[in-house]
Amino acid sequence: MKLSQFRFDLPLNLIAQHPSKSRDEARLMVVHRDSGKIEHKVFKDVMSYFKDQDTMIVNNTKVFPARLYGRKEKTGAKIEVFLLRELNSNSRLWDVIVDPARKIRVGNKLYFGENDDLVAEVIDNTTSRGRTIRFLFDGSDEDYKQLLTSLGETPLPKYIKRKPDEQDKERYQTVYAKYEGAVAAPTAGLHFSKELIKRLEIKGIKFAEITLHTGLGTFRPIEVEDLSKHKMDAEYFHIDSHAVQLVNQAKEKGKKVCAVGTTSMRAIESSVTSGNLLREGEGWTNLFIHPPYDFRIANSLVTNFHLPKTGLLIMVCAFAGYDLVMKAYQEAIKEKYRFFSYGDAMLIL
């Protein structure tokens, strides 16, 4: 399939700028692959589509405050630094994206905080906007990490046209987030409240936790018309034996296995046995799922409404079928569903 097939007209006012009042009261579109039926619900109604011993796979990555604002030495020019990944905690080296990049050269020093609390030196160029920087700080690791966290800002996507506030620190994070390493939230999971999870567990639904640290590559624009030529950025994932046991038991009993989010789907599809069961493992995945694709683990999916021509939309089309998904999206626009990270949800059965 071609990239241009995943274009659609999305009114900008449908890109959610704020989260719903309550996590589990966002709207939910339910799409049935077998019949093509589309239902309109509220997210907490997800309860009625799952039974005892069905299993949900959730991504327990935790978003860190990855966006920093600093100034360049001598000129004082304001620079945005987006932390991508820590390369070596002992030497405090990070891969980052800088903006405006043309002003930042190897050897430049950047100052952060009102009193220049933290200084970084640019060590290398990695891409046109990418740099490797080293933070220069004499204090303890604990003080360094605390300072970095206090200076950083919740990394809301650029589509959200406002500054992050205190509410975002909580709401741009799932209630089951555990392991810090993501620069973007696994947004399908944002709809689960603690109360909803408890009610699902009481009903007998199992939760298998896996980790995939979402990077900016998930949202990077696809620039090739031929999808087979697109290269995804690698993201770290980890799947432990407990998750494997829960998922494979559900599969063997013919139960529903629901991937909560495209990040969960990418992780599980990156670690499959020859018998199409989930395999324990960790590493880096650059798997790009596009039609046609044979999914081996999950038979249902919770996801948000994605932007045109994105890898996320393309994966959803691979799972539910291009025609059905594009029809559902047209209905979502007509019914004024909210799109993207803070938007509404879709359950595909």
C-alpha atoms as a PDB file:
ATOM      1  CA  MET A   1       0.000   0.000   0.000  1.00  0.00           C
ATOM      2  CA  LYS A   2       1.043   3.616  -0.552  1.00  0.00           C
ATOM      3  CA  LEU A   3       1.369   6.377   2.019  1.00  0.00           C
ATOM      4  CA  SER A   4      -1.068   8.632   0.135  1.00  0.00           C
ATOM      5  CA  GLN A   5      -3.873   6.098   0.771  1.00  0.00           C
ATOM      6  CA  PHE A   6      -3.735   7.013   4.476  1.00  0.00           C
ATOM      7  CA  ARG A   7      -4.513  10.672   3.921  1.00  0.00           C
ATOM      8  CA  PHE A   8      -7.815  12.098   5.173  1.00  0.00           C
ATOM      9  CA  ASP A   9      -9.081  15.564   6.009  1.00  0.00           C
ATOM     10  CA  LEU A  10      -9.032  16.113   9.761  1.00  0.00           C
ATOM     11  CA  PRO A  11     -10.522  19.343  11.127  1.00  0.00           C
ATOM     12  CA  LEU A  12      -7.865  20.825  13.437  1.00  0.00           C
ATOM     13  CA  ASN A  13     -10.472  21.524  16.128  1.00  0.00           C
ATOM     14  CA  LEU A  14     -10.810  17.744  16.640  1.00  0.00           C
ATOM     15  CA  ILE A  15      -7.195  17.418  17.889  1.00  0.00           C
ATOM     16  CA  ALA A  16      -7.723  17.271  21.664  1.00  0.00           C
ATOM     17  CA  GLN A  17      -5.902  20.023  23.560  1.00  0.00           C
ATOM     18  CA  HIS A  18      -6.851  18.768  27.030  1.00  0.00           C
ATOM     19  CA  PRO A  19      -7.611  15.363  28.567  1.00  0.00           C
ATOM     20  CA  SER A  20     -11.209  14.337  29.277  1.00  0.00           C
ATOM     21  CA  LYS A  21     -12.529  15.229  32.729  1.00  0.00           C
ATOM     22  CA  SER A  22     -12.197  11.635  33.939  1.00  0.00           C
ATOM     23  CA  ARG A  23      -9.849   9.078  32.394  1.00  0.00           C
ATOM     24  CA  ASP A  24     -12.489   6.411  31.805  1.00  0.00           C
ATOM     25  CA  GLU A  25     -15.202   8.788  30.571  1.00  0.00           C
ATOM     26  CA  ALA A  26     -13.653   9.598  27.217  1.00  0.00           C
ATOM     27  CA  ARG A  27     -15.747   8.370  24.289  1.00  0.00           C
ATOM     28  CA  LEU A  28     -15.201   4.872  22.917  1.00  0.00           C
ATOM     29  CA  MET A  29     -15.908   3.692  19.393  1.00  0.00           C
ATOM     30  CA  VAL A  30     -16.256  -0.100  19.197  1.00  0.00           C
ATOM     31  CA  VAL A  31     -15.435  -1.605  15.796  1.00  0.00           C
ATOM     32  CA  HIS A  32     -16.339  -5.234  15.056  1.00  0.00           C
ATOM     33  CA  ARG A  33     -14.079  -6.717  12.386  1.00  0.00           C
ATOM     34  CA  ASP A  34     -16.326  -9.717  11.672  1.00  0.00           C
ATOM     35  CA  SER A  35     -19.526  -7.770  10.962  1.00  0.00           C
ATOM     36  CA  GLY A  36     -18.261  -4.240  10.265  1.00  0.00           C
ATOM     37  CA  LYS A  37     -20.611  -2.956  12.984  1.00  0.00           C
ATOM     38  CA  ILE A  38     -19.628   0.304  14.720  1.00  0.00           C
ATOM     39  CA  GLU A  39     -20.919   1.242  18.191  1.00  0.00           C
ATOM     40  CA  HIS A  40     -20.589   4.486  20.168  1.00  0.00           C
ATOM     41  CA  LYS A  41     -19.905   4.076  23.883  1.00  0.00           C
ATOM     42  CA  VAL A  42     -18.024   5.594  26.842  1.00  0.00           C
ATOM     43  CA  PHE A  43     -14.602   4.134  27.676  1.00  0.00           C
ATOM     44  CA  LYS A  44     -15.655   2.450  30.921  1.00  0.00           C
ATOM     45  CA  ASP A  45     -18.125   0.395  28.819  1.00  0.00           C
ATOM     46  CA  VAL A  46     -15.046  -1.578  27.718  1.00  0.00           C
ATOM     47  CA  MET A  47     -15.959  -3.797  30.704  1.00  0.00           C
ATOM     48  CA  SER A  48     -18.862  -5.358  28.833  1.00  0.00           C
ATOM     49  CA  TYR A  49     -16.672  -6.654  25.972  1.00  0.00           C
ATOM     50  CA  PHE A  50     -14.341  -8.780  28.106  1.00  0.00           C
ATOM     51  CA  LYS A  51     -14.874 -11.901  30.223  1.00  0.00           C
ATOM     52  CA  ASP A  52     -13.141 -14.013  32.869  1.00  0.00           C
ATOM     53  CA  GLN A  53      -9.546 -14.936  31.894  1.00  0.00           C
ATOM     54  CA  ASP A  54      -9.400 -12.566  28.925  1.00  0.00           C
ATOM     55  CA  THR A  55      -6.052 -10.754  29.059  1.00  0.00           C
ATOM     56  CA  MET A  56      -5.063  -7.151  28.423  1.00  0.00           C
ATOM     57  CA  ILE A  57      -1.467  -6.328  27.541  1.00  0.00           C
ATOM     58  CA  VAL A  58      -0.448  -2.913  28.883  1.00  0.00           C
ATOM     59  CA  ASN A  59       2.732  -0.904  28.419  1.00  0.00           C
ATOM     60  CA  ASN A  60       4.080   0.193  31.818  1.00  0.00           C
ATOM     61  CA  THR A  61       6.659   2.636  30.464  1.00  0.00           C
ATOM     62  CA  LYS A  62       6.885   5.957  32.295  1.00  0.00           C
ATOM     63  CA  VAL A  63       7.286   9.314  30.560  1.00  0.00           C
ATOM     64  CA  PHE A  64      10.126  11.501  31.813  1.00  0.00           C
ATOM     65  CA  PRO A  65      10.087  15.318  31.579  1.00  0.00           C
ATOM     66  CA  ALA A  66      12.093  15.349  28.362  1.00  0.00           C
ATOM     67  CA  ARG A  67      11.750  18.949  27.147  1.00  0.00           C
ATOM     68  CA  LEU A  68      14.261  21.469  28.488  1.00  0.00           C
ATOM     69  CA  TYR A  69      14.736  25.148  27.701  1.00  0.00           C
ATOM     70  CA  GLY A  70      18.217  26.581  27.952  1.00  0.00           C
ATOM     71  CA  ARG A  71      20.366  29.332  26.534  1.00  0.00           C
ATOM     72  CA  LYS A  72      23.515  29.276  24.495  1.00  0.00           C
ATOM     73  CA  GLU A  73      26.748  30.599  25.995  1.00  0.00           C
ATOM     74  CA  LYS A  74      27.857  34.109  24.947  1.00  0.00           C
ATOM     75  CA  THR A  75      24.825  34.901  22.733  1.00  0.00           C
ATOM     76  CA  GLY A  76      22.162  33.907  25.279  1.00  0.00           C
ATOM     77  CA  ALA A  77      19.988  32.568  22.423  1.00  0.00           C
ATOM     78  CA  LYS A  78      17.056  30.485  23.696  1.00  0.00           C
ATOM     79  CA  ILE A  79      17.428  26.781  22.791  1.00  0.00           C
ATOM     80  CA  GLU A  80      14.942  23.932  23.179  1.00  0.00           C
ATOM     81  CA  VAL A  81      16.595  20.607  24.022  1.00  0.00           C
ATOM     82  CA  PHE A  82      14.490  17.451  23.761  1.00  0.00           C
ATOM     83  CA  LEU A  83      16.066  14.489  25.581  1.00  0.00           C
ATOM     84  CA  LEU A  84      15.706  11.286  23.556  1.00  0.00           C
ATOM     85  CA  ARG A  85      17.732   8.689  25.448  1.00  0.00           C
ATOM     86  CA  GLU A  86      20.499   8.508  27.995  1.00  0.00           C
ATOM     87  CA  LEU A  87      23.545   6.859  26.435  1.00  0.00           C
ATOM     88  CA  ASN A  88      25.618   6.429  29.559  1.00  0.00           C
ATOM     89  CA  SER A  89      24.444   7.435  33.021  1.00  0.00           C
ATOM     90  CA  ASN A  90      28.005   7.410  34.412  1.00  0.00           C
ATOM     91  CA  SER A  91      29.201  10.003  31.900  1.00  0.00           C
ATOM     92  CA  ARG A  92      25.797  11.798  31.699  1.00  0.00           C
ATOM     93  CA  LEU A  93      25.701  11.555  27.914  1.00  0.00           C
ATOM     94  CA  TRP A  94      22.370  12.012  26.091  1.00  0.00           C
ATOM     95  CA  ASP A  95      21.098  11.869  22.540  1.00  0.00           C
ATOM     96  CA  VAL A  96      18.939  14.960  22.055  1.00  0.00           C
ATOM     97  CA  ILE A  97      17.153  17.046  19.450  1.00  0.00           C
ATOM     98  CA  VAL A  98      17.913  20.769  19.511  1.00  0.00           C
ATOM     99  CA  ASP A  99      15.881  23.644  18.106  1.00  0.00           C
ATOM    100  CA  PRO A 100      16.956  25.852  16.397  1.00  0.00           C
ATOM    101  CA  ALA A 101      19.646  23.357  15.350  1.00  0.00           C
ATOM    102  CA  ARG A 102      21.579  25.684  13.041  1.00  0.00           C
ATOM    103  CA  LYS A 103      22.854  27.632  16.058  1.00  0.00           C
ATOM    104  CA  ILE A 104      24.225  24.635  17.940  1.00  0.00           C
ATOM    105  CA  ARG A 105      27.705  23.349  17.106  1.00  0.00           C
ATOM    106  CA  VAL A 106      30.095  20.850  18.675  1.00  0.00           C
ATOM    107  CA  GLY A 107      31.864  22.494  21.603  1.00  0.00           C
ATOM    108  CA  ASN A 108      29.015  24.906  22.449  1.00  0.00           C
ATOM    109  CA  LYS A 109      27.889  25.070  26.056  1.00  0.00           C
ATOM    110  CA  LEU A 110      24.207  25.323  27.028  1.00  0.00           C
ATOM    111  CA  TYR A 111      22.937  26.692  30.351  1.00  0.00           C
ATOM    112  CA  PHE A 112      19.702  25.590  32.054  1.00  0.00           C
ATOM    113  CA  GLY A 113      17.791  27.066  34.984  1.00  0.00           C
ATOM    114  CA  GLU A 114      17.426  30.623  36.265  1.00  0.00           C
ATOM    115  CA  ASN A 115      20.793  30.485  37.992  1.00  0.00           C
ATOM    116  CA  ASP A 116      22.537  28.350  35.380  1.00  0.00           C
ATOM    117  CA  ASP A 117      21.921  25.355  37.668  1.00  0.00           C
ATOM    118  CA  LEU A 118      22.967  22.873  34.983  1.00  0.00           C
ATOM    119  CA  VAL A 119      25.413  23.135  32.095  1.00  0.00           C
ATOM    120  CA  ALA A 120      25.741  20.849  29.069  1.00  0.00           C
ATOM    121  CA  GLU A 121      28.415  20.638  26.400  1.00  0.00           C
ATOM    122  CA  VAL A 122      27.653  19.601  22.811  1.00  0.00           C
ATOM    123  CA  ILE A 123      29.852  16.578  22.024  1.00  0.00           C
ATOM    124  CA  ASP A 124      28.711  15.429  18.571  1.00  0.00           C
ATOM    125  CA  ASN A 125      26.282  15.934  15.673  1.00  0.00           C
ATOM    126  CA  THR A 126      24.081  12.890  15.047  1.00  0.00           C
ATOM    127  CA  THR A 127      21.515  14.136  12.493  1.00  0.00           C
ATOM    128  CA  SER A 128      20.556  17.552  11.096  1.00  0.00           C
ATOM    129  CA  ARG A 129      18.730  18.355  14.355  1.00  0.00           C
ATOM    130  CA  GLY A 130      20.253  15.660  16.550  1.00  0.00           C
ATOM    131  CA  ARG A 131      23.170  16.165  18.932  1.00  0.00           C
ATOM    132  CA  THR A 132      24.958  14.262  21.666  1.00  0.00           C
ATOM    133  CA  ILE A 133      25.416  16.353  24.799  1.00  0.00           C
ATOM    134  CA  ARG A 134      27.141  15.783  28.137  1.00  0.00           C
ATOM    135  CA  PHE A 135      25.732  17.350  31.294  1.00  0.00           C
ATOM    136  CA  LEU A 136      28.476  18.854  33.449  1.00  0.00           C
ATOM    137  CA  PHE A 137      27.485  18.512  37.102  1.00  0.00           C
ATOM    138  CA  ASP A 138      29.722  17.895  40.112  1.00  0.00           C
ATOM    139  CA  GLY A 139      27.040  16.685  42.539  1.00  0.00           C
ATOM    140  CA  SER A 140      25.735  13.184  43.269  1.00  0.00           C
ATOM    141  CA  ASP A 141      23.751  11.110  40.765  1.00  0.00           C
ATOM    142  CA  GLU A 142      20.663  11.612  42.899  1.00  0.00           C
ATOM    143  CA  ASP A 143      21.041  15.418  42.893  1.00  0.00           C
ATOM    144  CA  TYR A 144      21.759  15.398  39.147  1.00  0.00           C
ATOM    145  CA  LYS A 145      18.645  13.362  38.329  1.00  0.00           C
ATOM    146  CA  GLN A 146      16.504  15.476  40.651  1.00  0.00           C
ATOM    147  CA  LEU A 147      17.768  18.663  38.999  1.00  0.00           C
ATOM    148  CA  LEU A 148      17.197  17.294  35.490  1.00  0.00           C
ATOM    149  CA  THR A 149      13.628  16.322  36.444  1.00  0.00           C
ATOM    150  CA  SER A 150      12.874  19.697  38.007  1.00  0.00           C
ATOM    151  CA  LEU A 151      14.178  21.588  34.951  1.00  0.00           C
ATOM    152  CA  GLY A 152      12.349  19.369  32.457  1.00  0.00           C
ATOM    153  CA  GLU A 153       8.825  19.864  31.148  1.00  0.00           C
ATOM    154  CA  THR A 154       6.152  17.253  30.358  1.00  0.00           C
ATOM    155  CA  PRO A 155       6.824  16.470  26.668  1.00  0.00           C
ATOM    156  CA  LEU A 156       3.373  17.123  25.234  1.00  0.00           C
ATOM    157  CA  PRO A 157       3.336  16.611  21.451  1.00  0.00           C
ATOM    158  CA  LYS A 158       3.622  19.763  19.335  1.00  0.00           C
ATOM    159  CA  TYR A 159       0.030  19.224  18.139  1.00  0.00           C
ATOM    160  CA  ILE A 160      -1.098  20.356  21.594  1.00  0.00           C
ATOM    161  CA  LYS A 161      -0.838  24.120  21.249  1.00  0.00           C
ATOM    162  CA  ARG A 162      -0.353  25.100  24.880  1.00  0.00           C
ATOM    163  CA  LYS A 163       2.218  24.934  27.638  1.00  0.00           C
ATOM    164  CA  PRO A 164       1.989  21.881  29.905  1.00  0.00           C
ATOM    165  CA  ASP A 165       0.537  22.485  33.362  1.00  0.00           C
ATOM    166  CA  GLU A 166       0.452  20.623  36.679  1.00  0.00           C
ATOM    167  CA  GLN A 167      -2.453  18.437  35.515  1.00  0.00           C
ATOM    168  CA  ASP A 168      -0.367  17.120  32.621  1.00  0.00           C
ATOM    169  CA  LYS A 169       2.223  15.662  35.006  1.00  0.00           C
ATOM    170  CA  GLU A 170      -0.439  13.205  36.125  1.00  0.00           C
ATOM    171  CA  ARG A 171      -2.653  12.868  33.041  1.00  0.00           C
ATOM    172  CA  TYR A 172       0.104  12.423  30.441  1.00  0.00           C
ATOM    173  CA  GLN A 173       1.056   9.250  32.302  1.00  0.00           C
ATOM    174  CA  THR A 174      -0.799   5.944  32.686  1.00  0.00           C
ATOM    175  CA  VAL A 175      -1.907   4.961  36.209  1.00  0.00           C
ATOM    176  CA  TYR A 176       0.303   1.836  35.900  1.00  0.00           C
ATOM    177  CA  ALA A 177       3.467   3.622  34.675  1.00  0.00           C
ATOM    178  CA  LYS A 178       6.541   2.112  36.367  1.00  0.00           C
ATOM    179  CA  TYR A 179       9.762   2.221  34.373  1.00  0.00           C
ATOM    180  CA  GLU A 180      11.004   5.609  33.221  1.00  0.00           C
ATOM    181  CA  GLY A 181      12.271   5.821  29.653  1.00  0.00           C
ATOM    182  CA  ALA A 182       9.522   7.116  27.325  1.00  0.00           C
ATOM    183  CA  VAL A 183       9.413  10.542  25.698  1.00  0.00           C
ATOM    184  CA  ALA A 184       5.770  10.060  24.682  1.00  0.00           C
ATOM    185  CA  ALA A 185       2.912   8.443  26.579  1.00  0.00           C
ATOM    186  CA  PRO A 186       1.399   5.129  25.429  1.00  0.00           C
ATOM    187  CA  THR A 187      -1.828   7.038  24.965  1.00  0.00           C
ATOM    188  CA  ALA A 188      -4.396   4.216  24.709  1.00  0.00           C
ATOM    189  CA  GLY A 189      -3.545   3.390  28.320  1.00  0.00           C
ATOM    190  CA  LEU A 190      -4.397   6.911  29.503  1.00  0.00           C
ATOM    191  CA  HIS A 191      -8.093   5.933  29.512  1.00  0.00           C
ATOM    192  CA  PHE A 192      -7.701   3.334  32.273  1.00  0.00           C
ATOM    193  CA  SER A 193      -8.460   4.627  35.769  1.00  0.00           C
ATOM    194  CA  LYS A 194      -7.455   2.681  38.894  1.00  0.00           C
ATOM    195  CA  GLU A 195     -11.145   2.047  39.564  1.00  0.00           C
ATOM    196  CA  LEU A 196     -11.756   0.621  36.086  1.00  0.00           C
ATOM    197  CA  ILE A 197      -8.721  -1.663  36.344  1.00  0.00           C
ATOM    198  CA  LYS A 198      -9.962  -2.927  39.717  1.00  0.00           C
ATOM    199  CA  ARG A 199     -13.438  -3.619  38.290  1.00  0.00           C
ATOM    200  CA  LEU A 200     -11.934  -5.475  35.329  1.00  0.00           C
ATOM    201  CA  GLU A 201      -9.750  -7.552  37.664  1.00  0.00           C
ATOM    202  CA  ILE A 202     -12.763  -8.416  39.846  1.00  0.00           C
ATOM    203  CA  LYS A 203     -14.465  -9.656  36.660  1.00  0.00           C
ATOM    204  CA  GLY A 204     -11.481 -11.972  36.082  1.00  0.00           C
ATOM    205  CA  ILE A 205      -9.623 -10.042  33.374  1.00  0.00           C
ATOM    206  CA  LYS A 206      -5.840 -10.397  33.645  1.00  0.00           C
ATOM    207  CA  PHE A 207      -3.325  -7.615  33.030  1.00  0.00           C
ATOM    208  CA  ALA A 208      -0.009  -8.566  31.469  1.00  0.00           C
ATOM    209  CA  GLU A 209       2.525  -5.753  31.823  1.00  0.00           C
ATOM    210  CA  ILE A 210       5.232  -5.286  29.214  1.00  0.00           C
ATOM    211  CA  THR A 211       7.553  -2.327  28.610  1.00  0.00           C
ATOM    212  CA  LEU A 212       8.281  -0.412  25.421  1.00  0.00           C
ATOM    213  CA  HIS A 213       9.938   2.979  25.844  1.00  0.00           C
ATOM    214  CA  THR A 214       8.148   5.117  23.288  1.00  0.00           C
ATOM    215  CA  GLY A 215      10.509   7.346  21.328  1.00  0.00           C
ATOM    216  CA  LEU A 216       9.873  10.239  18.973  1.00  0.00           C
ATOM    217  CA  GLY A 217      10.237   7.829  16.040  1.00  0.00           C
ATOM    218  CA  THR A 218       6.699   6.624  16.733  1.00  0.00           C
ATOM    219  CA  PHE A 219       5.481  10.051  15.600  1.00  0.00           C
ATOM    220  CA  ARG A 220       8.130  10.843  12.987  1.00  0.00           C
ATOM    221  CA  PRO A 221       6.537  11.714   9.634  1.00  0.00           C
ATOM    222  CA  ILE A 222       6.759   8.997   6.994  1.00  0.00           C
ATOM    223  CA  GLU A 223       8.465  10.522   3.982  1.00  0.00           C
ATOM    224  CA  VAL A 224       8.376   7.655   1.470  1.00  0.00           C
ATOM    225  CA  GLU A 225       5.355   6.757  -0.654  1.00  0.00           C
ATOM    226  CA  ASP A 226       6.354   3.063  -0.718  1.00  0.00           C
ATOM    227  CA  LEU A 227       5.706   1.884   2.871  1.00  0.00           C
ATOM    228  CA  SER A 228       8.088  -1.062   2.532  1.00  0.00           C
ATOM    229  CA  LYS A 229      10.952   1.456   2.345  1.00  0.00           C
ATOM    230  CA  HIS A 230      10.142   3.278   5.617  1.00  0.00           C
ATOM    231  CA  LYS A 231      12.607   2.656   8.455  1.00  0.00           C
ATOM    232  CA  MET A 232      11.370   2.980  12.040  1.00  0.00           C
ATOM    233  CA  ASP A 233      13.627   4.284  14.817  1.00  0.00           C
ATOM    234  CA  ALA A 234      14.511   1.491  17.241  1.00  0.00           C
ATOM    235  CA  GLU A 235      12.771   1.468  20.641  1.00  0.00           C
ATOM    236  CA  TYR A 236      13.738  -0.573  23.706  1.00  0.00           C
ATOM    237  CA  PHE A 237      11.286  -3.260  24.910  1.00  0.00           C
ATOM    238  CA  HIS A 238      11.180  -5.819  27.698  1.00  0.00           C
ATOM    239  CA  ILE A 239       8.777  -8.761  28.117  1.00  0.00           C
ATOM    240  CA  ASP A 240       9.116 -10.864  31.274  1.00  0.00           C
ATOM    241  CA  SER A 241       8.121 -14.448  32.050  1.00  0.00           C
ATOM    242  CA  HIS A 242       4.983 -13.440  33.993  1.00  0.00           C
ATOM    243  CA  ALA A 243       3.541 -11.530  31.030  1.00  0.00           C
ATOM    244  CA  VAL A 244       4.412 -14.434  28.728  1.00  0.00           C
ATOM    245  CA  GLN A 245       2.633 -16.894  31.008  1.00  0.00           C
ATOM    246  CA  LEU A 246      -0.564 -14.798  31.240  1.00  0.00           C
ATOM    247  CA  VAL A 247      -0.756 -14.118  27.493  1.00  0.00           C
ATOM    248  CA  ASN A 248       0.038 -17.645  26.338  1.00  0.00           C
ATOM    249  CA  GLN A 249      -2.459 -19.185  28.793  1.00  0.00           C
ATOM    250  CA  ALA A 250      -5.169 -16.904  27.399  1.00  0.00           C
ATOM    251  CA  LYS A 251      -4.200 -17.792  23.827  1.00  0.00           C
ATOM    252  CA  GLU A 252      -4.221 -21.519  24.520  1.00  0.00           C
ATOM    253  CA  LYS A 253      -7.693 -21.256  26.116  1.00  0.00           C
ATOM    254  CA  GLY A 254      -9.055 -19.295  23.151  1.00  0.00           C
ATOM    255  CA  LYS A 255      -9.626 -16.158  25.250  1.00  0.00           C
ATOM    256  CA  LYS A 256      -9.416 -12.561  24.119  1.00  0.00           C
ATOM    257  CA  VAL A 257      -5.910 -11.118  24.134  1.00  0.00           C
ATOM    258  CA  CYS A 258      -6.146  -7.342  23.863  1.00  0.00           C
ATOM    259  CA  ALA A 259      -3.158  -5.130  23.110  1.00  0.00           C
ATOM    260  CA  VAL A 260      -3.687  -1.794  24.850  1.00  0.00           C
ATOM    261  CA  GLY A 261      -2.054   0.572  22.399  1.00  0.00           C
ATOM    262  CA  THR A 262       0.098   0.328  19.310  1.00  0.00           C
ATOM    263  CA  THR A 263       3.238   0.343  21.492  1.00  0.00           C
ATOM    264  CA  SER A 264       2.110  -2.855  23.242  1.00  0.00           C
ATOM    265  CA  MET A 265       1.330  -4.357  19.830  1.00  0.00           C
ATOM    266  CA  ARG A 266       4.785  -3.517  18.465  1.00  0.00           C
ATOM    267  CA  ALA A 267       6.492  -5.020  21.510  1.00  0.00           C
ATOM    268  CA  ILE A 268       4.619  -8.329  21.459  1.00  0.00           C
ATOM    269  CA  GLU A 269       4.943  -8.709  17.685  1.00  0.00           C
ATOM    270  CA  SER A 270       8.698  -8.254  18.136  1.00  0.00           C
ATOM    271  CA  SER A 271       8.997 -11.297  20.412  1.00  0.00           C
ATOM    272  CA  VAL A 272       7.122 -14.312  19.019  1.00  0.00           C
ATOM    273  CA  THR A 273       8.000 -18.028  19.055  1.00  0.00           C
ATOM    274  CA  SER A 274       7.866 -20.252  15.972  1.00  0.00           C
ATOM    275  CA  GLY A 275       4.571 -21.583  17.360  1.00  0.00           C
ATOM    276  CA  ASN A 276       3.052 -18.064  17.387  1.00  0.00           C
ATOM    277  CA  LEU A 277       3.206 -17.683  21.155  1.00  0.00           C
ATOM    278  CA  LEU A 278       4.657 -14.748  23.085  1.00  0.00           C
ATOM    279  CA  ARG A 279       8.332 -15.105  23.972  1.00  0.00           C
ATOM    280  CA  GLU A 280      10.226 -13.651  26.920  1.00  0.00           C
ATOM    281  CA  GLY A 281      12.877 -11.185  25.849  1.00  0.00           C
ATOM    282  CA  GLU A 282      14.283  -7.702  25.682  1.00  0.00           C
ATOM    283  CA  GLY A 283      16.113  -5.608  23.144  1.00  0.00           C
ATOM    284  CA  TRP A 284      15.502  -2.971  20.488  1.00  0.00           C
ATOM    285  CA  THR A 285      12.771  -3.183  17.892  1.00  0.00           C
ATOM    286  CA  ASN A 286      12.401  -1.221  14.673  1.00  0.00           C
ATOM    287  CA  LEU A 287       9.405  -3.260  13.513  1.00  0.00           C
ATOM    288  CA  PHE A 288       7.132  -1.249  11.211  1.00  0.00           C
ATOM    289  CA  ILE A 289       3.725  -2.905  10.867  1.00  0.00           C
ATOM    290  CA  HIS A 290       1.870  -2.071   7.657  1.00  0.00           C
ATOM    291  CA  PRO A 291      -0.695  -3.931   5.498  1.00  0.00           C
ATOM    292  CA  PRO A 292      -0.634  -6.788   4.756  1.00  0.00           C
ATOM    293  CA  TYR A 293       0.525  -8.161   8.122  1.00  0.00           C
ATOM    294  CA  ASP A 294      -0.275 -11.384   9.969  1.00  0.00           C
ATOM    295  CA  PHE A 295      -0.741 -10.597  13.684  1.00  0.00           C
ATOM    296  CA  ARG A 296       0.305 -13.516  15.872  1.00  0.00           C
ATOM    297  CA  ILE A 297      -0.492 -12.585  19.485  1.00  0.00           C
ATOM    298  CA  ALA A 298      -3.396 -10.158  20.088  1.00  0.00           C
ATOM    299  CA  ASN A 299      -6.902 -10.606  18.676  1.00  0.00           C
ATOM    300  CA  SER A 300      -8.231  -7.223  19.871  1.00  0.00           C
ATOM    301  CA  LEU A 301      -6.817  -3.732  20.225  1.00  0.00           C
ATOM    302  CA  VAL A 302      -7.492  -0.550  22.195  1.00  0.00           C
ATOM    303  CA  THR A 303      -6.098   2.522  20.456  1.00  0.00           C
ATOM    304  CA  ASN A 304      -6.656   6.263  20.104  1.00  0.00           C
ATOM    305  CA  PHE A 305      -7.617   8.116  16.935  1.00  0.00           C
ATOM    306  CA  HIS A 306      -4.461   8.934  15.016  1.00  0.00           C
ATOM    307  CA  LEU A 307      -3.366  11.618  12.594  1.00  0.00           C
ATOM    308  CA  PRO A 308      -3.338  11.131   8.802  1.00  0.00           C
ATOM    309  CA  LYS A 309      -0.378   9.379   7.151  1.00  0.00           C
ATOM    310  CA  THR A 310       1.138   8.189  10.456  1.00  0.00           C
ATOM    311  CA  GLY A 311       2.623   4.815  11.301  1.00  0.00           C
ATOM    312  CA  LEU A 312       0.036   4.461  14.070  1.00  0.00           C
ATOM    313  CA  LEU A 313      -2.911   4.763  11.674  1.00  0.00           C
ATOM    314  CA  ILE A 314      -1.179   2.411   9.232  1.00  0.00           C
ATOM    315  CA  MET A 315      -0.766  -0.253  11.939  1.00  0.00           C
ATOM    316  CA  VAL A 316      -4.447   0.034  12.908  1.00  0.00           C
ATOM    317  CA  CYS A 317      -5.404  -0.457   9.243  1.00  0.00           C
ATOM    318  CA  ALA A 318      -3.186  -3.548   9.112  1.00  0.00           C
ATOM    319  CA  PHE A 319      -5.052  -4.952  12.138  1.00  0.00           C
ATOM    320  CA  ALA A 320      -8.671  -4.091  11.302  1.00  0.00           C
ATOM    321  CA  GLY A 321      -8.600  -3.723   7.513  1.00  0.00           C
ATOM    322  CA  TYR A 322      -8.081  -0.540   5.526  1.00  0.00           C
ATOM    323  CA  ASP A 323     -11.674  -0.038   4.348  1.00  0.00           C
ATOM    324  CA  LEU A 324     -13.239  -0.611   7.770  1.00  0.00           C
ATOM    325  CA  VAL A 325     -10.797   1.706   9.576  1.00  0.00           C
ATOM    326  CA  MET A 326     -11.174   4.517   7.044  1.00  0.00           C
ATOM    327  CA  LYS A 327     -14.962   4.179   7.283  1.00  0.00           C
ATOM    328  CA  ALA A 328     -14.706   4.325  11.105  1.00  0.00           C
ATOM    329  CA  TYR A 329     -12.524   7.426  10.893  1.00  0.00           C
ATOM    330  CA  GLN A 330     -15.025   9.210   8.660  1.00  0.00           C
ATOM    331  CA  GLU A 331     -17.710   8.387  11.214  1.00  0.00           C
ATOM    332  CA  ALA A 332     -15.456   9.621  14.023  1.00  0.00           C
ATOM    333  CA  ILE A 333     -15.027  12.964  12.240  1.00  0.00           C
ATOM    334  CA  LYS A 334     -18.772  13.223  11.623  1.00  0.00           C
ATOM    335  CA  GLU A 335     -19.502  12.425  15.289  1.00  0.00           C
ATOM    336  CA  LYS A 336     -16.778  14.826  16.454  1.00  0.00           C
ATOM    337  CA  TYR A 337     -14.609  12.314  18.289  1.00  0.00           C
ATOM    338  CA  ARG A 338     -11.436  13.846  19.727  1.00  0.00           C
ATOM    339  CA  PHE A 339      -8.158  12.807  18.082  1.00  0.00           C
ATOM    340  CA  PHE A 340      -4.575  12.123  19.116  1.00  0.00           C
ATOM    341  CA  SER A 341      -2.866  11.807  22.525  1.00  0.00           C
ATOM    342  CA  TYR A 342      -5.588  13.304  24.736  1.00  0.00           C
ATOM    343  CA  GLY A 343      -8.399  12.189  22.441  1.00  0.00           C
ATOM    344  CA  ASP A 344     -11.010   9.444  22.511  1.00  0.00           C
ATOM    345  CA  ALA A 345     -10.513   5.698  22.096  1.00  0.00           C
ATOM    346  CA  MET A 346     -11.338   2.887  19.708  1.00  0.00           C
ATOM    347  CA  LEU A 347     -11.774  -0.770  20.642  1.00  0.00           C
ATOM    348  CA  ILE A 348     -11.282  -3.171  17.745  1.00  0.00           C
ATOM    349  CA  LEU A 349     -12.698  -6.666  18.251  1.00  0.00           C
END
